[in-house]
Amino acid sequence: MRKLQPITDNHSARELLPNDIFQLGQVLKRKYTLLKYAYNFAAAGILTGVISISFRFFLN
């Protein structure tokens, strides 16, 4: 792991900013992909429950 250097001037900050933004984008991409899977899984569970209750209600 590389050691962090202190930002002492605008030039070094401008060099580090694009890499930081890229890394944030990668983290957010993974976060929202996993969040999408979680919501799809929850929606499938709710749909399965509604269908199950409907069958039980209408068949009895």
C-alpha atoms as a PDB file:
ATOM      1  CA  MET A   1       0.000   0.000   0.000  1.00  0.00           C
ATOM      2  CA  ARG A   2       1.332   3.352  -0.886  1.00  0.00           C
ATOM      3  CA  LYS A   3       1.930   5.956   1.762  1.00  0.00           C
ATOM      4  CA  LEU A   4      -0.286   9.033   1.587  1.00  0.00           C
ATOM      5  CA  GLN A   5       1.413  12.319   0.920  1.00  0.00           C
ATOM      6  CA  PRO A   6       0.106  15.559   2.365  1.00  0.00           C
ATOM      7  CA  ILE A   7      -1.522  17.929  -0.082  1.00  0.00           C
ATOM      8  CA  THR A   8       0.500  21.093   0.067  1.00  0.00           C
ATOM      9  CA  ASP A   9      -0.637  22.988  -3.017  1.00  0.00           C
ATOM     10  CA  ASN A  10      -3.347  23.140  -5.672  1.00  0.00           C
ATOM     11  CA  HIS A  11      -1.268  21.238  -8.220  1.00  0.00           C
ATOM     12  CA  SER A  12      -1.024  18.079  -6.104  1.00  0.00           C
ATOM     13  CA  ALA A  13      -4.725  18.326  -5.240  1.00  0.00           C
ATOM     14  CA  ARG A  14      -5.628  18.527  -8.933  1.00  0.00           C
ATOM     15  CA  GLU A  15      -3.510  15.461  -9.651  1.00  0.00           C
ATOM     16  CA  LEU A  16      -5.210  13.377  -6.945  1.00  0.00           C
ATOM     17  CA  LEU A  17      -8.788  14.477  -7.570  1.00  0.00           C
ATOM     18  CA  PRO A  18      -9.527  12.442 -10.757  1.00  0.00           C
ATOM     19  CA  ASN A  19      -8.304   9.222  -9.138  1.00  0.00           C
ATOM     20  CA  ASP A  20     -10.396   9.883  -6.030  1.00  0.00           C
ATOM     21  CA  ILE A  21     -13.504  10.546  -8.116  1.00  0.00           C
ATOM     22  CA  PHE A  22     -12.897   7.371 -10.118  1.00  0.00           C
ATOM     23  CA  GLN A  23     -12.535   5.284  -6.957  1.00  0.00           C
ATOM     24  CA  LEU A  24     -15.720   6.768  -5.506  1.00  0.00           C
ATOM     25  CA  GLY A  25     -17.515   5.872  -8.720  1.00  0.00           C
ATOM     26  CA  GLN A  26     -16.332   2.272  -8.494  1.00  0.00           C
ATOM     27  CA  VAL A  27     -17.485   1.975  -4.887  1.00  0.00           C
ATOM     28  CA  LEU A  28     -20.883   3.487  -5.682  1.00  0.00           C
ATOM     29  CA  LYS A  29     -21.301   1.224  -8.714  1.00  0.00           C
ATOM     30  CA  ARG A  30     -20.828  -1.851  -6.523  1.00  0.00           C
ATOM     31  CA  LYS A  31     -23.058  -0.417  -3.792  1.00  0.00           C
ATOM     32  CA  TYR A  32     -25.968   0.250  -6.119  1.00  0.00           C
ATOM     33  CA  THR A  33     -25.574  -3.095  -7.881  1.00  0.00           C
ATOM     34  CA  LEU A  34     -25.861  -4.893  -4.549  1.00  0.00           C
ATOM     35  CA  LEU A  35     -28.754  -2.643  -3.541  1.00  0.00           C
ATOM     36  CA  LYS A  36     -30.546  -3.519  -6.775  1.00  0.00           C
ATOM     37  CA  TYR A  37     -30.124  -7.236  -6.012  1.00  0.00           C
ATOM     38  CA  ALA A  38     -31.457  -6.713  -2.488  1.00  0.00           C
ATOM     39  CA  TYR A  39     -34.552  -4.862  -3.701  1.00  0.00           C
ATOM     40  CA  ASN A  40     -35.218  -7.461  -6.395  1.00  0.00           C
ATOM     41  CA  PHE A  41     -34.896 -10.258  -3.841  1.00  0.00           C
ATOM     42  CA  ALA A  42     -37.248  -8.464  -1.431  1.00  0.00           C
ATOM     43  CA  ALA A  43     -39.779  -7.798  -4.206  1.00  0.00           C
ATOM     44  CA  ALA A  44     -39.674 -11.465  -5.240  1.00  0.00           C
ATOM     45  CA  GLY A  45     -40.291 -12.489  -1.624  1.00  0.00           C
ATOM     46  CA  ILE A  46     -43.235 -10.138  -1.258  1.00  0.00           C
ATOM     47  CA  LEU A  47     -44.683 -11.303  -4.577  1.00  0.00           C
ATOM     48  CA  THR A  48     -44.293 -14.933  -3.547  1.00  0.00           C
ATOM     49  CA  GLY A  49     -46.038 -14.221  -0.257  1.00  0.00           C
ATOM     50  CA  VAL A  50     -48.937 -12.413  -1.942  1.00  0.00           C
ATOM     51  CA  ILE A  51     -49.394 -15.232  -4.451  1.00  0.00           C
ATOM     52  CA  SER A  52     -49.228 -17.831  -1.669  1.00  0.00           C
ATOM     53  CA  ILE A  53     -51.825 -16.008   0.432  1.00  0.00           C
ATOM     54  CA  SER A  54     -54.028 -15.520  -2.634  1.00  0.00           C
ATOM     55  CA  PHE A  55     -53.993 -19.229  -3.468  1.00  0.00           C
ATOM     56  CA  ARG A  56     -54.738 -20.137   0.127  1.00  0.00           C
ATOM     57  CA  PHE A  57     -57.582 -17.623   0.314  1.00  0.00           C
ATOM     58  CA  PHE A  58     -59.210 -18.566  -2.993  1.00  0.00           C
ATOM     59  CA  LEU A  59     -58.786 -22.352  -2.707  1.00  0.00           C
ATOM     60  CA  ASN A  60     -60.418 -22.616   0.717  1.00  0.00           C
END
